[in-house]
Amino acid sequence: AVGARRADIMRQFLIESSLLSASGGFLGVALAWLLTL
């Protein structure tokens, strides 16, 4: 309503989903590294 375009909304959710999954990936890698140690 205040002027955000479709691309703005789409970009927001794509960045959010990729950051959430990448942070989960970092946590998984850290856990695997500790298990390897």
PDB file of all heavy atoms in Angstrom:
ATOM      1  N   ALA A   1       0.817  -1.214   0.000  1.00  0.00           N
ATOM      2  CA  ALA A   1       0.000   0.000   0.000  1.00  0.00           C
ATOM      3  C   ALA A   1       0.851   1.265   0.000  1.00  0.00           C
ATOM      4  O   ALA A   1       0.431   2.291  -0.531  1.00  0.00           O
ATOM      5  CB  ALA A   1      -0.938  -0.007   1.207  1.00  0.00           C
ATOM      6  N   VAL A   2       2.037   1.194   0.590  1.00  0.00           N
ATOM      7  CA  VAL A   2       2.901   2.380   0.616  1.00  0.00           C
ATOM      8  C   VAL A   2       3.878   2.411  -0.553  1.00  0.00           C
ATOM      9  O   VAL A   2       4.731   3.287  -0.610  1.00  0.00           O
ATOM     10  CB  VAL A   2       3.662   2.525   1.954  1.00  0.00           C
ATOM     11  CG1 VAL A   2       2.704   2.737   3.097  1.00  0.00           C
ATOM     12  CG2 VAL A   2       4.563   1.349   2.209  1.00  0.00           C
ATOM     13  N   GLY A   3       3.754   1.466  -1.474  1.00  0.00           N
ATOM     14  CA  GLY A   3       4.535   1.578  -2.699  1.00  0.00           C
ATOM     15  C   GLY A   3       5.550   0.492  -2.988  1.00  0.00           C
ATOM     16  O   GLY A   3       6.309   0.619  -3.944  1.00  0.00           O
ATOM     17  N   ALA A   4       5.585  -0.566  -2.195  1.00  0.00           N
ATOM     18  CA  ALA A   4       6.535  -1.647  -2.486  1.00  0.00           C
ATOM     19  C   ALA A   4       6.106  -2.368  -3.757  1.00  0.00           C
ATOM     20  O   ALA A   4       4.929  -2.642  -3.971  1.00  0.00           O
ATOM     21  CB  ALA A   4       6.595  -2.631  -1.328  1.00  0.00           C
ATOM     22  N   ARG A   5       7.076  -2.656  -4.598  1.00  0.00           N
ATOM     23  CA  ARG A   5       6.797  -3.368  -5.843  1.00  0.00           C
ATOM     24  C   ARG A   5       6.846  -4.870  -5.607  1.00  0.00           C
ATOM     25  O   ARG A   5       7.315  -5.327  -4.578  1.00  0.00           O
ATOM     26  CB  ARG A   5       7.816  -2.969  -6.910  1.00  0.00           C
ATOM     27  CG  ARG A   5       7.713  -1.491  -7.293  1.00  0.00           C
ATOM     28  CD  ARG A   5       8.857  -1.091  -8.153  1.00  0.00           C
ATOM     29  NE  ARG A   5      10.060  -1.176  -7.292  1.00  0.00           N
ATOM     30  CZ  ARG A   5      11.295  -1.312  -7.741  1.00  0.00           C
ATOM     31  NH1 ARG A   5      11.521  -1.384  -9.018  1.00  0.00           N
ATOM     32  NH2 ARG A   5      12.305  -1.368  -6.910  1.00  0.00           N
ATOM     33  N   ARG A   6       6.381  -5.622  -6.594  1.00  0.00           N
ATOM     34  CA  ARG A   6       6.427  -7.090  -6.493  1.00  0.00           C
ATOM     35  C   ARG A   6       7.856  -7.580  -6.309  1.00  0.00           C
ATOM     36  O   ARG A   6       8.115  -8.491  -5.539  1.00  0.00           O
ATOM     37  CB  ARG A   6       5.832  -7.726  -7.740  1.00  0.00           C
ATOM     38  CG  ARG A   6       4.353  -7.670  -7.791  1.00  0.00           C
ATOM     39  CD  ARG A   6       3.821  -8.398  -8.991  1.00  0.00           C
ATOM     40  NE  ARG A   6       2.365  -8.375  -8.957  1.00  0.00           N
ATOM     41  CZ  ARG A   6       1.613  -9.114  -9.720  1.00  0.00           C
ATOM     42  NH1 ARG A   6       2.149  -9.931 -10.598  1.00  0.00           N
ATOM     43  NH2 ARG A   6       0.307  -9.039  -9.620  1.00  0.00           N
ATOM     44  N   ALA A   7       8.783  -6.954  -7.020  1.00  0.00           N
ATOM     45  CA  ALA A   7      10.183  -7.371  -6.920  1.00  0.00           C
ATOM     46  C   ALA A   7      10.729  -7.140  -5.508  1.00  0.00           C
ATOM     47  O   ALA A   7      11.547  -7.929  -5.019  1.00  0.00           O
ATOM     48  CB  ALA A   7      11.028  -6.613  -7.937  1.00  0.00           C
ATOM     49  N   ASP A   8      10.284  -6.072  -4.851  1.00  0.00           N
ATOM     50  CA  ASP A   8      10.742  -5.794  -3.484  1.00  0.00           C
ATOM     51  C   ASP A   8      10.264  -6.875  -2.517  1.00  0.00           C
ATOM     52  O   ASP A   8      11.040  -7.357  -1.678  1.00  0.00           O
ATOM     53  CB  ASP A   8      10.228  -4.430  -3.012  1.00  0.00           C
ATOM     54  CG  ASP A   8      10.750  -3.290  -3.850  1.00  0.00           C
ATOM     55  OD1 ASP A   8      11.872  -3.408  -4.391  1.00  0.00           O
ATOM     56  OD2 ASP A   8      10.031  -2.274  -3.974  1.00  0.00           O
ATOM     57  N   ILE A   9       9.000  -7.241  -2.626  1.00  0.00           N
ATOM     58  CA  ILE A   9       8.439  -8.273  -1.752  1.00  0.00           C
ATOM     59  C   ILE A   9       9.111  -9.612  -2.033  1.00  0.00           C
ATOM     60  O   ILE A   9       9.492 -10.335  -1.109  1.00  0.00           O
ATOM     61  CB  ILE A   9       6.913  -8.396  -1.958  1.00  0.00           C
ATOM     62  CG1 ILE A   9       6.209  -7.057  -1.735  1.00  0.00           C
ATOM     63  CG2 ILE A   9       6.324  -9.477  -1.086  1.00  0.00           C
ATOM     64  CD1 ILE A   9       6.193  -6.551  -0.340  1.00  0.00           C
ATOM     65  N   MET A  10       9.275  -9.932  -3.302  1.00  0.00           N
ATOM     66  CA  MET A  10       9.897 -11.199  -3.672  1.00  0.00           C
ATOM     67  C   MET A  10      11.338 -11.262  -3.167  1.00  0.00           C
ATOM     68  O   MET A  10      11.769 -12.281  -2.619  1.00  0.00           O
ATOM     69  CB  MET A  10       9.849 -11.384  -5.185  1.00  0.00           C
ATOM     70  CG  MET A  10      10.203 -12.746  -5.625  1.00  0.00           C
ATOM     71  SD  MET A  10       9.111 -13.220  -6.945  1.00  0.00           S
ATOM     72  CE  MET A  10       9.865 -14.713  -7.447  1.00  0.00           C
ATOM     73  N   ARG A  11      12.074 -10.176  -3.336  1.00  0.00           N
ATOM     74  CA  ARG A  11      13.464 -10.127  -2.891  1.00  0.00           C
ATOM     75  C   ARG A  11      13.545 -10.330  -1.381  1.00  0.00           C
ATOM     76  O   ARG A  11      14.417 -11.046  -0.880  1.00  0.00           O
ATOM     77  CB  ARG A  11      14.091  -8.785  -3.281  1.00  0.00           C
ATOM     78  CG  ARG A  11      15.572  -8.711  -3.008  1.00  0.00           C
ATOM     79  CD  ARG A  11      16.196  -7.387  -3.440  1.00  0.00           C
ATOM     80  NE  ARG A  11      15.846  -7.028  -4.812  1.00  0.00           N
ATOM     81  CZ  ARG A  11      15.102  -5.953  -5.132  1.00  0.00           C
ATOM     82  NH1 ARG A  11      14.643  -5.154  -4.204  1.00  0.00           N
ATOM     83  NH2 ARG A  11      14.836  -5.687  -6.394  1.00  0.00           N
ATOM     84  N   GLN A  12      12.640  -9.705  -0.636  1.00  0.00           N
ATOM     85  CA  GLN A  12      12.650  -9.833   0.820  1.00  0.00           C
ATOM     86  C   GLN A  12      12.504 -11.293   1.243  1.00  0.00           C
ATOM     87  O   GLN A  12      13.283 -11.790   2.066  1.00  0.00           O
ATOM     88  CB  GLN A  12      11.509  -9.020   1.425  1.00  0.00           C
ATOM     89  CG  GLN A  12      11.337  -9.234   2.915  1.00  0.00           C
ATOM     90  CD  GLN A  12      10.065  -8.617   3.459  1.00  0.00           C
ATOM     91  OE1 GLN A  12       9.377  -7.871   2.766  1.00  0.00           O
ATOM     92  NE2 GLN A  12       9.752  -8.929   4.690  1.00  0.00           N
ATOM     93  N   PHE A  13      11.536 -12.001   0.674  1.00  0.00           N
ATOM     94  CA  PHE A  13      11.305 -13.372   1.089  1.00  0.00           C
ATOM     95  C   PHE A  13      12.376 -14.327   0.580  1.00  0.00           C
ATOM     96  O   PHE A  13      12.713 -15.300   1.253  1.00  0.00           O
ATOM     97  CB  PHE A  13       9.909 -13.827   0.669  1.00  0.00           C
ATOM     98  CG  PHE A  13       8.843 -13.276   1.581  1.00  0.00           C
ATOM     99  CD1 PHE A  13       8.115 -12.173   1.224  1.00  0.00           C
ATOM    100  CD2 PHE A  13       8.610 -13.859   2.807  1.00  0.00           C
ATOM    101  CE1 PHE A  13       7.154 -11.649   2.070  1.00  0.00           C
ATOM    102  CE2 PHE A  13       7.660 -13.352   3.669  1.00  0.00           C
ATOM    103  CZ  PHE A  13       6.924 -12.237   3.292  1.00  0.00           C
ATOM    104  N   LEU A  14      12.939 -14.059  -0.583  1.00  0.00           N
ATOM    105  CA  LEU A  14      14.021 -14.921  -1.078  1.00  0.00           C
ATOM    106  C   LEU A  14      15.281 -14.758  -0.235  1.00  0.00           C
ATOM    107  O   LEU A  14      15.961 -15.733   0.081  1.00  0.00           O
ATOM    108  CB  LEU A  14      14.302 -14.619  -2.545  1.00  0.00           C
ATOM    109  CG  LEU A  14      13.261 -15.130  -3.524  1.00  0.00           C
ATOM    110  CD1 LEU A  14      13.619 -14.729  -4.941  1.00  0.00           C
ATOM    111  CD2 LEU A  14      13.121 -16.638  -3.420  1.00  0.00           C
ATOM    112  N   ILE A  15      15.597 -13.524   0.133  1.00  0.00           N
ATOM    113  CA  ILE A  15      16.760 -13.293   0.997  1.00  0.00           C
ATOM    114  C   ILE A  15      16.539 -13.953   2.351  1.00  0.00           C
ATOM    115  O   ILE A  15      17.435 -14.600   2.907  1.00  0.00           O
ATOM    116  CB  ILE A  15      17.048 -11.783   1.138  1.00  0.00           C
ATOM    117  CG1 ILE A  15      17.590 -11.232  -0.174  1.00  0.00           C
ATOM    118  CG2 ILE A  15      18.010 -11.509   2.285  1.00  0.00           C
ATOM    119  CD1 ILE A  15      17.714  -9.720  -0.209  1.00  0.00           C
ATOM    120  N   GLU A  16      15.338 -13.808   2.869  1.00  0.00           N
ATOM    121  CA  GLU A  16      15.020 -14.400   4.164  1.00  0.00           C
ATOM    122  C   GLU A  16      15.146 -15.917   4.139  1.00  0.00           C
ATOM    123  O   GLU A  16      15.749 -16.513   5.035  1.00  0.00           O
ATOM    124  CB  GLU A  16      13.590 -14.001   4.529  1.00  0.00           C
ATOM    125  CG  GLU A  16      13.262 -14.113   5.977  1.00  0.00           C
ATOM    126  CD  GLU A  16      11.905 -13.503   6.260  1.00  0.00           C
ATOM    127  OE1 GLU A  16      11.726 -12.301   6.021  1.00  0.00           O
ATOM    128  OE2 GLU A  16      11.036 -14.261   6.716  1.00  0.00           O
ATOM    129  N   SER A  17      14.601 -16.553   3.115  1.00  0.00           N
ATOM    130  CA  SER A  17      14.663 -18.019   3.062  1.00  0.00           C
ATOM    131  C   SER A  17      16.080 -18.522   2.849  1.00  0.00           C
ATOM    132  O   SER A  17      16.484 -19.521   3.452  1.00  0.00           O
ATOM    133  CB  SER A  17      13.739 -18.554   1.968  1.00  0.00           C
ATOM    134  OG  SER A  17      14.199 -18.188   0.696  1.00  0.00           O
ATOM    135  N   SER A  18      16.855 -17.822   2.021  1.00  0.00           N
ATOM    136  CA  SER A  18      18.231 -18.291   1.803  1.00  0.00           C
ATOM    137  C   SER A  18      19.098 -18.064   3.038  1.00  0.00           C
ATOM    138  O   SER A  18      19.949 -18.889   3.354  1.00  0.00           O
ATOM    139  CB  SER A  18      18.842 -17.620   0.580  1.00  0.00           C
ATOM    140  OG  SER A  18      18.943 -16.234   0.769  1.00  0.00           O
ATOM    141  N   LEU A  19      18.880 -16.963   3.763  1.00  0.00           N
ATOM    142  CA  LEU A  19      19.644 -16.731   4.991  1.00  0.00           C
ATOM    143  C   LEU A  19      19.289 -17.747   6.072  1.00  0.00           C
ATOM    144  O   LEU A  19      20.175 -18.226   6.800  1.00  0.00           O
ATOM    145  CB  LEU A  19      19.420 -15.315   5.509  1.00  0.00           C
ATOM    146  CG  LEU A  19      20.155 -14.217   4.769  1.00  0.00           C
ATOM    147  CD1 LEU A  19      19.781 -12.847   5.335  1.00  0.00           C
ATOM    148  CD2 LEU A  19      21.651 -14.414   4.853  1.00  0.00           C
ATOM    149  N   LEU A  20      18.006 -18.074   6.187  1.00  0.00           N
ATOM    150  CA  LEU A  20      17.607 -19.078   7.172  1.00  0.00           C
ATOM    151  C   LEU A  20      18.235 -20.440   6.866  1.00  0.00           C
ATOM    152  O   LEU A  20      18.754 -21.105   7.757  1.00  0.00           O
ATOM    153  CB  LEU A  20      16.089 -19.214   7.205  1.00  0.00           C
ATOM    154  CG  LEU A  20      15.338 -18.174   8.012  1.00  0.00           C
ATOM    155  CD1 LEU A  20      13.838 -18.313   7.791  1.00  0.00           C
ATOM    156  CD2 LEU A  20      15.658 -18.309   9.483  1.00  0.00           C
ATOM    157  N   SER A  21      18.198 -20.838   5.616  1.00  0.00           N
ATOM    158  CA  SER A  21      18.758 -22.144   5.284  1.00  0.00           C
ATOM    159  C   SER A  21      20.283 -22.141   5.332  1.00  0.00           C
ATOM    160  O   SER A  21      20.890 -23.139   5.733  1.00  0.00           O
ATOM    161  CB  SER A  21      18.267 -22.608   3.918  1.00  0.00           C
ATOM    162  OG  SER A  21      18.659 -21.702   2.931  1.00  0.00           O
ATOM    163  N   ALA A  22      20.922 -21.034   4.953  1.00  0.00           N
ATOM    164  CA  ALA A  22      22.384 -20.969   5.036  1.00  0.00           C
ATOM    165  C   ALA A  22      22.853 -20.988   6.485  1.00  0.00           C
ATOM    166  O   ALA A  22      23.859 -21.628   6.807  1.00  0.00           O
ATOM    167  CB  ALA A  22      22.901 -19.722   4.331  1.00  0.00           C
ATOM    168  N   SER A  23      22.116 -20.314   7.375  1.00  0.00           N
ATOM    169  CA  SER A  23      22.503 -20.358   8.781  1.00  0.00           C
ATOM    170  C   SER A  23      22.333 -21.766   9.344  1.00  0.00           C
ATOM    171  O   SER A  23      23.138 -22.223  10.153  1.00  0.00           O
ATOM    172  CB  SER A  23      21.710 -19.342   9.599  1.00  0.00           C
ATOM    173  OG  SER A  23      20.338 -19.636   9.570  1.00  0.00           O
ATOM    174  N   GLY A  24      21.296 -22.475   8.895  1.00  0.00           N
ATOM    175  CA  GLY A  24      21.155 -23.878   9.274  1.00  0.00           C
ATOM    176  C   GLY A  24      22.290 -24.721   8.729  1.00  0.00           C
ATOM    177  O   GLY A  24      22.764 -25.642   9.386  1.00  0.00           O
ATOM    178  N   GLY A  25      22.746 -24.387   7.519  1.00  0.00           N
ATOM    179  CA  GLY A  25      23.891 -25.082   6.939  1.00  0.00           C
ATOM    180  C   GLY A  25      25.161 -24.843   7.743  1.00  0.00           C
ATOM    181  O   GLY A  25      25.942 -25.771   7.969  1.00  0.00           O
ATOM    182  N   PHE A  26      25.371 -23.589   8.172  1.00  0.00           N
ATOM    183  CA  PHE A  26      26.541 -23.287   9.004  1.00  0.00           C
ATOM    184  C   PHE A  26      26.483 -24.050  10.326  1.00  0.00           C
ATOM    185  O   PHE A  26      27.494 -24.581  10.790  1.00  0.00           O
ATOM    186  CB  PHE A  26      26.652 -21.789   9.282  1.00  0.00           C
ATOM    187  CG  PHE A  26      27.299 -21.012   8.181  1.00  0.00           C
ATOM    188  CD1 PHE A  26      26.622 -19.978   7.566  1.00  0.00           C
ATOM    189  CD2 PHE A  26      28.582 -21.302   7.760  1.00  0.00           C
ATOM    190  CE1 PHE A  26      27.211 -19.255   6.551  1.00  0.00           C
ATOM    191  CE2 PHE A  26      29.186 -20.590   6.741  1.00  0.00           C
ATOM    192  CZ  PHE A  26      28.491 -19.567   6.133  1.00  0.00           C
ATOM    193  N   LEU A  27      25.303 -24.116  10.934  1.00  0.00           N
ATOM    194  CA  LEU A  27      25.175 -24.867  12.180  1.00  0.00           C
ATOM    195  C   LEU A  27      25.431 -26.356  11.953  1.00  0.00           C
ATOM    196  O   LEU A  27      26.077 -27.014  12.774  1.00  0.00           O
ATOM    197  CB  LEU A  27      23.786 -24.656  12.780  1.00  0.00           C
ATOM    198  CG  LEU A  27      23.534 -23.298  13.415  1.00  0.00           C
ATOM    199  CD1 LEU A  27      22.072 -23.159  13.821  1.00  0.00           C
ATOM    200  CD2 LEU A  27      24.437 -23.089  14.603  1.00  0.00           C
ATOM    201  N   GLY A  28      24.944 -26.880  10.844  1.00  0.00           N
ATOM    202  CA  GLY A  28      25.187 -28.285  10.516  1.00  0.00           C
ATOM    203  C   GLY A  28      26.655 -28.573  10.278  1.00  0.00           C
ATOM    204  O   GLY A  28      27.182 -29.597  10.719  1.00  0.00           O
ATOM    205  N   VAL A  29      27.335 -27.670   9.588  1.00  0.00           N
ATOM    206  CA  VAL A  29      28.770 -27.846   9.337  1.00  0.00           C
ATOM    207  C   VAL A  29      29.544 -27.769  10.649  1.00  0.00           C
ATOM    208  O   VAL A  29      30.471 -28.560  10.886  1.00  0.00           O
ATOM    209  CB  VAL A  29      29.272 -26.792   8.330  1.00  0.00           C
ATOM    210  CG1 VAL A  29      30.780 -26.711   8.314  1.00  0.00           C
ATOM    211  CG2 VAL A  29      28.748 -27.111   6.939  1.00  0.00           C
ATOM    212  N   ALA A  30      29.160 -26.838  11.519  1.00  0.00           N
ATOM    213  CA  ALA A  30      29.841 -26.714  12.814  1.00  0.00           C
ATOM    214  C   ALA A  30      29.644 -27.980  13.652  1.00  0.00           C
ATOM    215  O   ALA A  30      30.595 -28.474  14.272  1.00  0.00           O
ATOM    216  CB  ALA A  30      29.325 -25.490  13.564  1.00  0.00           C
ATOM    217  N   LEU A  31      28.428 -28.509  13.658  1.00  0.00           N
ATOM    218  CA  LEU A  31      28.158 -29.733  14.406  1.00  0.00           C
ATOM    219  C   LEU A  31      28.942 -30.914  13.832  1.00  0.00           C
ATOM    220  O   LEU A  31      29.521 -31.708  14.579  1.00  0.00           O
ATOM    221  CB  LEU A  31      26.663 -30.029  14.399  1.00  0.00           C
ATOM    222  CG  LEU A  31      26.209 -31.236  15.195  1.00  0.00           C
ATOM    223  CD1 LEU A  31      26.476 -31.022  16.680  1.00  0.00           C
ATOM    224  CD2 LEU A  31      24.737 -31.492  14.952  1.00  0.00           C
ATOM    225  N   ALA A  32      28.985 -31.018  12.509  1.00  0.00           N
ATOM    226  CA  ALA A  32      29.746 -32.103  11.868  1.00  0.00           C
ATOM    227  C   ALA A  32      31.233 -31.969  12.155  1.00  0.00           C
ATOM    228  O   ALA A  32      31.920 -32.975  12.376  1.00  0.00           O
ATOM    229  CB  ALA A  32      29.483 -32.096  10.370  1.00  0.00           C
ATOM    230  N   TRP A  33      31.733 -30.733  12.162  1.00  0.00           N
ATOM    231  CA  TRP A  33      33.153 -30.517  12.445  1.00  0.00           C
ATOM    232  C   TRP A  33      33.477 -30.921  13.878  1.00  0.00           C
ATOM    233  O   TRP A  33      34.495 -31.574  14.143  1.00  0.00           O
ATOM    234  CB  TRP A  33      33.514 -29.060  12.193  1.00  0.00           C
ATOM    235  CG  TRP A  33      34.959 -28.757  12.364  1.00  0.00           C
ATOM    236  CD1 TRP A  33      36.000 -29.189  11.598  1.00  0.00           C
ATOM    237  CD2 TRP A  33      35.539 -27.980  13.402  1.00  0.00           C
ATOM    238  NE1 TRP A  33      37.178 -28.710  12.086  1.00  0.00           N
ATOM    239  CE2 TRP A  33      36.925 -27.958  13.201  1.00  0.00           C
ATOM    240  CE3 TRP A  33      35.003 -27.285  14.479  1.00  0.00           C
ATOM    241  CZ2 TRP A  33      37.783 -27.279  14.044  1.00  0.00           C
ATOM    242  CZ3 TRP A  33      35.865 -26.605  15.315  1.00  0.00           C
ATOM    243  CH2 TRP A  33      37.242 -26.621  15.089  1.00  0.00           C
ATOM    244  N   LEU A  34      32.608 -30.553  14.835  1.00  0.00           N
ATOM    245  CA  LEU A  34      32.830 -30.949  16.226  1.00  0.00           C
ATOM    246  C   LEU A  34      32.759 -32.471  16.387  1.00  0.00           C
ATOM    247  O   LEU A  34      33.550 -33.061  17.129  1.00  0.00           O
ATOM    248  CB  LEU A  34      31.813 -30.273  17.137  1.00  0.00           C
ATOM    249  CG  LEU A  34      31.996 -28.775  17.320  1.00  0.00           C
ATOM    250  CD1 LEU A  34      30.827 -28.190  18.113  1.00  0.00           C
ATOM    251  CD2 LEU A  34      33.314 -28.481  18.017  1.00  0.00           C
ATOM    252  N   LEU A  35      31.837 -33.095  15.687  1.00  0.00           N
ATOM    253  CA  LEU A  35      31.734 -34.552  15.738  1.00  0.00           C
ATOM    254  C   LEU A  35      32.981 -35.200  15.142  1.00  0.00           C
ATOM    255  O   LEU A  35      33.485 -36.199  15.658  1.00  0.00           O
ATOM    256  CB  LEU A  35      30.480 -35.014  14.988  1.00  0.00           C
ATOM    257  CG  LEU A  35      30.112 -36.468  15.113  1.00  0.00           C
ATOM    258  CD1 LEU A  35      29.776 -36.812  16.550  1.00  0.00           C
ATOM    259  CD2 LEU A  35      28.938 -36.786  14.208  1.00  0.00           C
ATOM    260  N   THR A  36      33.513 -34.613  14.083  1.00  0.00           N
ATOM    261  CA  THR A  36      34.747 -35.121  13.480  1.00  0.00           C
ATOM    262  C   THR A  36      35.909 -34.998  14.448  1.00  0.00           C
ATOM    263  O   THR A  36      36.737 -35.912  14.557  1.00  0.00           O
ATOM    264  CB  THR A  36      35.057 -34.359  12.182  1.00  0.00           C
ATOM    265  OG1 THR A  36      33.964 -34.504  11.297  1.00  0.00           O
ATOM    266  CG2 THR A  36      36.310 -34.886  11.525  1.00  0.00           C
ATOM    267  N   LEU A  37      35.979 -33.873  15.166  1.00  0.00           N
ATOM    268  CA  LEU A  37      37.038 -33.714  16.170  1.00  0.00           C
ATOM    269  C   LEU A  37      36.923 -34.760  17.273  1.00  0.00           C
ATOM    270  O   LEU A  37      37.929 -35.312  17.731  1.00  0.00           O
ATOM    271  CB  LEU A  37      36.985 -32.313  16.775  1.00  0.00           C
ATOM    272  CG  LEU A  37      37.442 -31.166  15.892  1.00  0.00           C
ATOM    273  CD1 LEU A  37      37.257 -29.847  16.625  1.00  0.00           C
ATOM    274  CD2 LEU A  37      38.894 -31.345  15.475  1.00  0.00           C
TER     275      LEU A  37
END
